[in-house]
Structures are given as structure tokens and as C-alpha cells.
Amino acid sequence: MPKFAAILVALLPAVPAALSAQIPADTVLLHRWVGTHDGRPLVLEFYDDTMLVVNDRYPLSYRLTPDSLIGFGDTTIVARWWMSVGRLILSTPSGEVTMAELPPLARPVTGRWTGPLGNAASTDIELQIFANGTARWRTMPSGGWTSGEWDREARMLTFTWHDANKSEWSGQYDPIGNAILFEQTVPGTSTTILRRAFR
């Protein structure tokens, strides 16, 4: 699919102030949106601190206000936006792009993750990440749980565990591959890749 070099702003009148005041800009776009721009599919995904244009190689850093969106990465987006009848409207030089919301395809970081423990291919681990900033992990199927907290900065996840050593895991979250990559989890292990578990 061809890449979009840029989606530029059309200088249209600003969204009425009364409408802008009703839109919580920091939460209303946190979904997956699909539309058509210049005859080609355009799919945007918004996370807390990351914006993806599907099929781009790198995520966009973006800034959102109640009526404008600026994003820089493989694709550059500078546009006015507003919501109308549950649709995201972006204004561009070639006209308005109407985008419908799609389910997030189970890509938020919270949930249950499983995979082999590094080079110990016979040992699987389970990681559960909760929306309240806590997490826990165990060896499967019946290992005891170790609890802790997690934090996120863009695609980097950091887990601090409440074990005797106050151990820490740092991993890279891949929302497109639906996986978390850890260079090391428990001491003496190699790279661990956990994938979202749906059961």
C-alpha cells in the first residue's frame, strides 16, 4: 500500500467553541479509526501516548488539541478534527475524511500474556497486566504469583516486582504484532517474547 507523504490542514473555519468545549480531546480519539483519503484506505490507531498509521513502520508522536491534530513519523498529519454523529472528521486539502470507529483488536496493553521463559522453552510464564497500574506473573500451570506495578513510556513497559530482590523487567510493546519483548525476565534467561492470550 502506498505511504501517505502528508495529510495537510485545510484552512476552514474553526469548530464552534461550544462543540469544542464538549469534546475531551485526551480521550475521545483513543480508538481505531478507518476511512479513505485520496482513494486509499487510511487507518489510525490512538493509544495514551502513541498514534499509529496502519502499515507505517514507526508510530507517530502527536499533539492533540480540542480542534487540531499534529503528528510526525512515517506519515505527517496536520489537520483540524471534530466528531459528528459518532464519526471522526479530518479536514484535508482534498476534502474532509470521515472515519468510523473500529474495535481496538485487543491491542491495549492490559490483559493476559503468555510465552516461554527465555531459553527455558519447556517453562511457560503468564503475565497479567491490570488497568490500575498493577501486574502479576507466574510460571505455568501452577506456580505462585509474584505481584508488582507497571509503568509505560510510549512502547516501553517497566515492571517492578515485589520479590526479595525488587526485580525489574523492561520490555518493548509491539501493538501491531500483539507481543511484548523482554531482553531478560528472571536472571539467567535470554530474550522472552510474550503474546496476548485470549483464553
C-alpha atoms as a PDB file:
ATOM      1  CA  MET A   1       0.000   0.000   0.000  1.00  0.00           C
ATOM      2  CA  PRO A   2       1.475   3.422  -0.888  1.00  0.00           C
ATOM      3  CA  LYS A   3       2.548   5.596   2.009  1.00  0.00           C
ATOM      4  CA  PHE A   4       0.962   8.957   2.649  1.00  0.00           C
ATOM      5  CA  ALA A   5       3.595  11.665   2.328  1.00  0.00           C
ATOM      6  CA  ALA A   6       1.445  14.155   4.172  1.00  0.00           C
ATOM      7  CA  ILE A   7      -2.099  14.980   5.108  1.00  0.00           C
ATOM      8  CA  LEU A   8      -2.184  18.752   5.339  1.00  0.00           C
ATOM      9  CA  VAL A   9      -4.549  21.152   7.002  1.00  0.00           C
ATOM     10  CA  ALA A  10      -7.311  22.840   5.070  1.00  0.00           C
ATOM     11  CA  LEU A  11      -7.874  26.322   6.378  1.00  0.00           C
ATOM     12  CA  LEU A  12     -11.509  26.007   7.313  1.00  0.00           C
ATOM     13  CA  PRO A  13     -13.416  27.942   9.943  1.00  0.00           C
ATOM     14  CA  ALA A  14     -12.713  26.714  13.445  1.00  0.00           C
ATOM     15  CA  VAL A  15     -15.069  24.253  15.114  1.00  0.00           C
ATOM     16  CA  PRO A  16     -17.625  26.201  17.120  1.00  0.00           C
ATOM     17  CA  ALA A  17     -16.395  26.867  20.657  1.00  0.00           C
ATOM     18  CA  ALA A  18     -19.459  25.252  22.260  1.00  0.00           C
ATOM     19  CA  LEU A  19     -18.771  21.979  20.421  1.00  0.00           C
ATOM     20  CA  SER A  20     -15.032  22.043  21.186  1.00  0.00           C
ATOM     21  CA  ALA A  21     -15.686  22.532  24.892  1.00  0.00           C
ATOM     22  CA  GLN A  22     -17.757  19.326  24.986  1.00  0.00           C
ATOM     23  CA  ILE A  23     -15.017  17.122  23.480  1.00  0.00           C
ATOM     24  CA  PRO A  24     -12.464  15.613  25.913  1.00  0.00           C
ATOM     25  CA  ALA A  25      -9.580  15.736  23.425  1.00  0.00           C
ATOM     26  CA  ASP A  26      -7.353  13.482  25.536  1.00  0.00           C
ATOM     27  CA  THR A  27      -9.766  10.516  25.483  1.00  0.00           C
ATOM     28  CA  VAL A  28     -12.269  10.734  22.629  1.00  0.00           C
ATOM     29  CA  LEU A  29      -9.798   9.547  19.956  1.00  0.00           C
ATOM     30  CA  LEU A  30      -8.357   6.565  21.889  1.00  0.00           C
ATOM     31  CA  HIS A  31      -9.717   4.061  19.385  1.00  0.00           C
ATOM     32  CA  ARG A  32      -9.025   2.597  15.941  1.00  0.00           C
ATOM     33  CA  TRP A  33     -10.427   4.705  13.064  1.00  0.00           C
ATOM     34  CA  VAL A  34     -10.822   3.776   9.386  1.00  0.00           C
ATOM     35  CA  GLY A  35     -11.613   5.953   6.379  1.00  0.00           C
ATOM     36  CA  THR A  36     -10.492   6.762   2.843  1.00  0.00           C
ATOM     37  CA  HIS A  37      -8.076   9.533   1.856  1.00  0.00           C
ATOM     38  CA  ASP A  38      -7.300  10.280  -1.811  1.00  0.00           C
ATOM     39  CA  GLY A  39      -8.857   6.958  -2.821  1.00  0.00           C
ATOM     40  CA  ARG A  40      -6.715   4.872  -0.451  1.00  0.00           C
ATOM     41  CA  PRO A  41      -7.565   3.314   2.928  1.00  0.00           C
ATOM     42  CA  LEU A  42      -6.433   5.313   5.945  1.00  0.00           C
ATOM     43  CA  VAL A  43      -6.393   3.540   9.325  1.00  0.00           C
ATOM     44  CA  LEU A  44      -5.377   5.400  12.502  1.00  0.00           C
ATOM     45  CA  GLU A  45      -4.904   3.913  15.964  1.00  0.00           C
ATOM     46  CA  PHE A  46      -4.564   6.060  19.083  1.00  0.00           C
ATOM     47  CA  TYR A  47      -3.073   4.930  22.395  1.00  0.00           C
ATOM     48  CA  ASP A  48      -2.373   7.026  25.505  1.00  0.00           C
ATOM     49  CA  ASP A  49       0.895   8.398  24.137  1.00  0.00           C
ATOM     50  CA  THR A  50       1.229   6.885  20.675  1.00  0.00           C
ATOM     51  CA  MET A  51      -0.552   7.230  17.350  1.00  0.00           C
ATOM     52  CA  LEU A  52      -0.173   4.632  14.602  1.00  0.00           C
ATOM     53  CA  VAL A  53      -0.945   4.908  10.914  1.00  0.00           C
ATOM     54  CA  VAL A  54      -1.501   1.277   9.971  1.00  0.00           C
ATOM     55  CA  ASN A  55       1.192  -0.015   7.568  1.00  0.00           C
ATOM     56  CA  ASP A  56       3.687   2.667   8.645  1.00  0.00           C
ATOM     57  CA  ARG A  57       6.910   1.314  10.102  1.00  0.00           C
ATOM     58  CA  TYR A  58       7.122   3.692  13.070  1.00  0.00           C
ATOM     59  CA  PRO A  59       4.487   5.226  15.358  1.00  0.00           C
ATOM     60  CA  LEU A  60       3.797   8.937  15.277  1.00  0.00           C
ATOM     61  CA  SER A  61       4.481  11.376  18.048  1.00  0.00           C
ATOM     62  CA  TYR A  62       1.392  13.516  18.170  1.00  0.00           C
ATOM     63  CA  ARG A  63      -0.143  16.584  19.780  1.00  0.00           C
ATOM     64  CA  LEU A  64      -3.871  16.889  20.133  1.00  0.00           C
ATOM     65  CA  THR A  65      -5.959  19.960  20.973  1.00  0.00           C
ATOM     66  CA  PRO A  66      -9.771  20.202  21.005  1.00  0.00           C
ATOM     67  CA  ASP A  67      -9.741  21.066  17.286  1.00  0.00           C
ATOM     68  CA  SER A  68      -6.349  20.197  15.798  1.00  0.00           C
ATOM     69  CA  LEU A  69      -4.146  17.128  15.344  1.00  0.00           C
ATOM     70  CA  ILE A  70      -0.429  17.253  14.554  1.00  0.00           C
ATOM     71  CA  GLY A  71       1.547  14.009  14.122  1.00  0.00           C
ATOM     72  CA  PHE A  72       5.057  13.293  12.835  1.00  0.00           C
ATOM     73  CA  GLY A  73       6.528   9.930  11.809  1.00  0.00           C
ATOM     74  CA  ASP A  74       6.493   7.963   8.541  1.00  0.00           C
ATOM     75  CA  THR A  75       3.330   9.919   7.794  1.00  0.00           C
ATOM     76  CA  THR A  76       2.879  13.577   8.691  1.00  0.00           C
ATOM     77  CA  ILE A  77      -0.590  14.680   9.722  1.00  0.00           C
ATOM     78  CA  VAL A  78      -1.606  18.289  10.327  1.00  0.00           C
ATOM     79  CA  ALA A  79      -5.363  18.608  10.356  1.00  0.00           C
ATOM     80  CA  ARG A  80      -8.436  20.038  12.007  1.00  0.00           C
ATOM     81  CA  TRP A  81     -10.707  17.430  13.546  1.00  0.00           C
ATOM     82  CA  TRP A  82     -14.126  17.143  15.141  1.00  0.00           C
ATOM     83  CA  MET A  83     -16.713  14.491  15.925  1.00  0.00           C
ATOM     84  CA  SER A  84     -20.048  14.265  14.111  1.00  0.00           C
ATOM     85  CA  VAL A  85     -22.655  11.546  14.672  1.00  0.00           C
ATOM     86  CA  GLY A  86     -20.023   9.225  16.171  1.00  0.00           C
ATOM     87  CA  ARG A  87     -17.589   9.762  13.288  1.00  0.00           C
ATOM     88  CA  LEU A  88     -14.134  11.370  13.309  1.00  0.00           C
ATOM     89  CA  ILE A  89     -13.875  14.105  10.675  1.00  0.00           C
ATOM     90  CA  LEU A  90     -10.428  15.271   9.481  1.00  0.00           C
ATOM     91  CA  SER A  91     -10.176  18.265   7.162  1.00  0.00           C
ATOM     92  CA  THR A  92      -7.531  17.967   4.420  1.00  0.00           C
ATOM     93  CA  PRO A  93      -6.745  19.948   1.249  1.00  0.00           C
ATOM     94  CA  SER A  94      -8.581  17.322  -0.816  1.00  0.00           C
ATOM     95  CA  GLY A  95     -11.687  17.470   1.355  1.00  0.00           C
ATOM     96  CA  GLU A  96     -12.999  16.049   4.571  1.00  0.00           C
ATOM     97  CA  VAL A  97     -12.143  12.494   5.576  1.00  0.00           C
ATOM     98  CA  THR A  98     -14.920  10.747   7.509  1.00  0.00           C
ATOM     99  CA  MET A  99     -13.587   7.958   9.723  1.00  0.00           C
ATOM    100  CA  ALA A 100     -15.585   5.259  11.506  1.00  0.00           C
ATOM    101  CA  GLU A 101     -14.517   3.742  14.822  1.00  0.00           C
ATOM    102  CA  LEU A 102     -13.422   0.104  14.823  1.00  0.00           C
ATOM    103  CA  PRO A 103     -12.775  -2.185  17.794  1.00  0.00           C
ATOM    104  CA  PRO A 104      -9.148  -1.965  19.029  1.00  0.00           C
ATOM    105  CA  LEU A 105      -8.409  -5.593  18.027  1.00  0.00           C
ATOM    106  CA  ALA A 106      -7.373  -6.461  21.596  1.00  0.00           C
ATOM    107  CA  ARG A 107      -4.348  -4.170  21.372  1.00  0.00           C
ATOM    108  CA  PRO A 108      -4.474  -2.234  24.642  1.00  0.00           C
ATOM    109  CA  VAL A 109      -1.572  -3.401  26.833  1.00  0.00           C
ATOM    110  CA  THR A 110      -3.793  -4.620  29.684  1.00  0.00           C
ATOM    111  CA  GLY A 111      -4.777  -8.271  29.730  1.00  0.00           C
ATOM    112  CA  ARG A 112      -3.208 -11.727  29.929  1.00  0.00           C
ATOM    113  CA  TRP A 113       0.108 -12.536  28.206  1.00  0.00           C
ATOM    114  CA  THR A 114       1.893 -15.906  27.931  1.00  0.00           C
ATOM    115  CA  GLY A 115       5.023 -17.403  26.390  1.00  0.00           C
ATOM    116  CA  PRO A 116       8.163 -19.468  27.003  1.00  0.00           C
ATOM    117  CA  LEU A 117      10.554 -18.201  29.665  1.00  0.00           C
ATOM    118  CA  GLY A 118      13.566 -17.154  27.581  1.00  0.00           C
ATOM    119  CA  ASN A 119      15.826 -20.082  26.749  1.00  0.00           C
ATOM    120  CA  ALA A 120      13.856 -22.398  29.057  1.00  0.00           C
ATOM    121  CA  ALA A 121      11.496 -23.461  26.256  1.00  0.00           C
ATOM    122  CA  SER A 122       9.849 -26.052  28.495  1.00  0.00           C
ATOM    123  CA  THR A 123       8.770 -23.392  31.009  1.00  0.00           C
ATOM    124  CA  ASP A 124       5.923 -21.043  30.123  1.00  0.00           C
ATOM    125  CA  ILE A 125       5.046 -17.935  32.095  1.00  0.00           C
ATOM    126  CA  GLU A 126       1.830 -15.995  32.434  1.00  0.00           C
ATOM    127  CA  LEU A 127       1.767 -12.212  32.903  1.00  0.00           C
ATOM    128  CA  GLN A 128      -1.399 -10.336  33.825  1.00  0.00           C
ATOM    129  CA  ILE A 129      -1.478  -6.541  33.402  1.00  0.00           C
ATOM    130  CA  PHE A 130      -4.288  -4.569  35.044  1.00  0.00           C
ATOM    131  CA  ALA A 131      -5.587  -1.082  34.203  1.00  0.00           C
ATOM    132  CA  ASN A 132      -4.991   0.144  37.774  1.00  0.00           C
ATOM    133  CA  GLY A 133      -1.188   0.032  37.311  1.00  0.00           C
ATOM    134  CA  THR A 134      -0.640  -3.353  38.954  1.00  0.00           C
ATOM    135  CA  ALA A 135       0.537  -6.624  37.424  1.00  0.00           C
ATOM    136  CA  ARG A 136       1.434 -10.175  38.410  1.00  0.00           C
ATOM    137  CA  TRP A 137       3.292 -13.130  36.879  1.00  0.00           C
ATOM    138  CA  ARG A 138       3.843 -16.835  37.496  1.00  0.00           C
ATOM    139  CA  THR A 139       5.253 -19.960  35.900  1.00  0.00           C
ATOM    140  CA  MET A 140       2.549 -22.103  34.354  1.00  0.00           C
ATOM    141  CA  PRO A 141       0.470 -24.007  35.105  1.00  0.00           C
ATOM    142  CA  SER A 142       0.527 -23.738  38.899  1.00  0.00           C
ATOM    143  CA  GLY A 143       3.414 -21.500  40.025  1.00  0.00           C
ATOM    144  CA  GLY A 144       2.844 -18.932  42.741  1.00  0.00           C
ATOM    145  CA  TRP A 145       2.039 -15.349  41.739  1.00  0.00           C
ATOM    146  CA  THR A 146       4.554 -12.514  42.092  1.00  0.00           C
ATOM    147  CA  SER A 147       2.819  -9.136  42.179  1.00  0.00           C
ATOM    148  CA  GLY A 148       4.085  -5.662  41.352  1.00  0.00           C
ATOM    149  CA  GLU A 149       3.454  -2.449  39.455  1.00  0.00           C
ATOM    150  CA  TRP A 150       3.923  -1.408  35.850  1.00  0.00           C
ATOM    151  CA  ASP A 151       4.537   1.857  34.045  1.00  0.00           C
ATOM    152  CA  ARG A 152       4.578   2.806  30.377  1.00  0.00           C
ATOM    153  CA  GLU A 153       6.500   5.350  28.327  1.00  0.00           C
ATOM    154  CA  ALA A 154       5.494   5.124  24.652  1.00  0.00           C
ATOM    155  CA  ARG A 155       6.169   1.470  23.747  1.00  0.00           C
ATOM    156  CA  MET A 156       8.461   0.745  26.704  1.00  0.00           C
ATOM    157  CA  LEU A 157       6.918  -1.100  29.659  1.00  0.00           C
ATOM    158  CA  THR A 158       8.640  -1.345  33.045  1.00  0.00           C
ATOM    159  CA  PHE A 159       7.553  -3.834  35.696  1.00  0.00           C
ATOM    160  CA  THR A 160       8.768  -3.615  39.305  1.00  0.00           C
ATOM    161  CA  TRP A 161       8.115  -6.813  41.249  1.00  0.00           C
ATOM    162  CA  HIS A 162       7.546  -7.251  44.979  1.00  0.00           C
ATOM    163  CA  ASP A 163      10.012 -10.120  45.340  1.00  0.00           C
ATOM    164  CA  ALA A 164      13.052 -10.337  47.630  1.00  0.00           C
ATOM    165  CA  ASN A 165      15.272  -8.558  45.067  1.00  0.00           C
ATOM    166  CA  LYS A 166      12.728  -5.916  43.948  1.00  0.00           C
ATOM    167  CA  SER A 167      13.482  -7.171  40.434  1.00  0.00           C
ATOM    168  CA  GLU A 168      12.580  -5.161  37.355  1.00  0.00           C
ATOM    169  CA  TRP A 169      11.627  -6.162  33.819  1.00  0.00           C
ATOM    170  CA  SER A 170      11.796  -3.748  30.889  1.00  0.00           C
ATOM    171  CA  GLY A 171      10.038  -4.682  27.684  1.00  0.00           C
ATOM    172  CA  GLN A 172       9.066  -3.270  24.322  1.00  0.00           C
ATOM    173  CA  TYR A 173       5.375  -3.432  23.457  1.00  0.00           C
ATOM    174  CA  ASP A 174       4.558  -4.203  19.824  1.00  0.00           C
ATOM    175  CA  PRO A 175       0.858  -3.338  19.288  1.00  0.00           C
ATOM    176  CA  ILE A 176       0.978  -4.451  15.659  1.00  0.00           C
ATOM    177  CA  GLY A 177       2.454  -7.873  16.472  1.00  0.00           C
ATOM    178  CA  ASN A 178       0.442  -8.024  19.714  1.00  0.00           C
ATOM    179  CA  ALA A 179       3.559  -9.017  21.688  1.00  0.00           C
ATOM    180  CA  ILE A 180       5.879  -7.808  24.462  1.00  0.00           C
ATOM    181  CA  LEU A 181       9.634  -8.397  24.049  1.00  0.00           C
ATOM    182  CA  PHE A 182      11.819  -8.599  27.160  1.00  0.00           C
ATOM    183  CA  GLU A 183      15.614  -8.771  26.858  1.00  0.00           C
ATOM    184  CA  GLN A 184      15.584 -10.615  30.177  1.00  0.00           C
ATOM    185  CA  THR A 185      12.956 -11.524  32.732  1.00  0.00           C
ATOM    186  CA  VAL A 186      14.326 -13.729  35.517  1.00  0.00           C
ATOM    187  CA  PRO A 187      18.149 -13.891  35.974  1.00  0.00           C
ATOM    188  CA  GLY A 188      19.932 -16.263  33.618  1.00  0.00           C
ATOM    189  CA  THR A 189      17.289 -16.265  30.895  1.00  0.00           C
ATOM    190  CA  SER A 190      17.534 -14.966  27.362  1.00  0.00           C
ATOM    191  CA  THR A 191      15.039 -12.930  25.351  1.00  0.00           C
ATOM    192  CA  THR A 192      11.417 -13.625  26.316  1.00  0.00           C
ATOM    193  CA  ILE A 193       8.523 -12.870  23.970  1.00  0.00           C
ATOM    194  CA  LEU A 194       5.043 -12.879  25.471  1.00  0.00           C
ATOM    195  CA  ARG A 195       1.937 -12.839  23.320  1.00  0.00           C
ATOM    196  CA  ARG A 196      -1.593 -11.885  24.264  1.00  0.00           C
ATOM    197  CA  ALA A 197      -3.596 -14.866  25.452  1.00  0.00           C
ATOM    198  CA  PHE A 198      -7.305 -14.802  24.703  1.00  0.00           C
ATOM    199  CA  ARG A 199      -8.252 -17.708  26.999  1.00  0.00           C
END
